[in-house]
Amino acid sequence: MALKLLIIQKTLNGSYLGVLGGAMKNRILILELLGILLFTCDAVDAADRQFSVFVSVPIKNELTDHVKRFVTRELQELPDIRLVDQLLLGKGQYVISIVALPFKLPGGDTVGIALSYVFQDCDKIMHGVLTGLPEELENLSEVLVCIFNFKLVEPNRHG
């Protein structure tokens, strides 16, 4: 990629073309145009890339529907993410599994929540836990998607 950018930069400012003979200028011009074409193809491939995500919230409780709704809404805002209804695992395919648990006092009052998550693709598995107040469920779901996006998906967007 750096070589492609160097070729484009040198072509635009003409530094290669002024000191070389006619045949060599043509060869370099052809190579530079080929570099521009390859650079453009790389950009198109990155723009067309789609990642499939299966979201699972296997333990059912009063938080389950809310967590799944918040997480899927955040994932849908990422333009290259496509939610799927079946578990697939291969290149460009991910699984997010979330267990949402309320922290309750003996009287039944909910005083906190925990989101335990596992992210998986064909190469790695990541696990973590987020905790907060009950009214922070939506924010914790957003944080969970940010972690997934930047730790697992983002490196594959450019790879």
Foldseek 3Di string as FASTA:
>chain_A
DVVLVVLQVCVVVVVVPPPDDDVVNVVSVVVNVVSVVVVVVLVVVLVPAAAEEEEAADDDDPCRVVLVVLLVVLQVVPPRYDYDHDDDADVRYKYKYWYKDFDADPVGDTFKIKIWIWMDHNPDIDIDMDMDGPVCSSVVSNVVNVCCCVVPVVVVSND
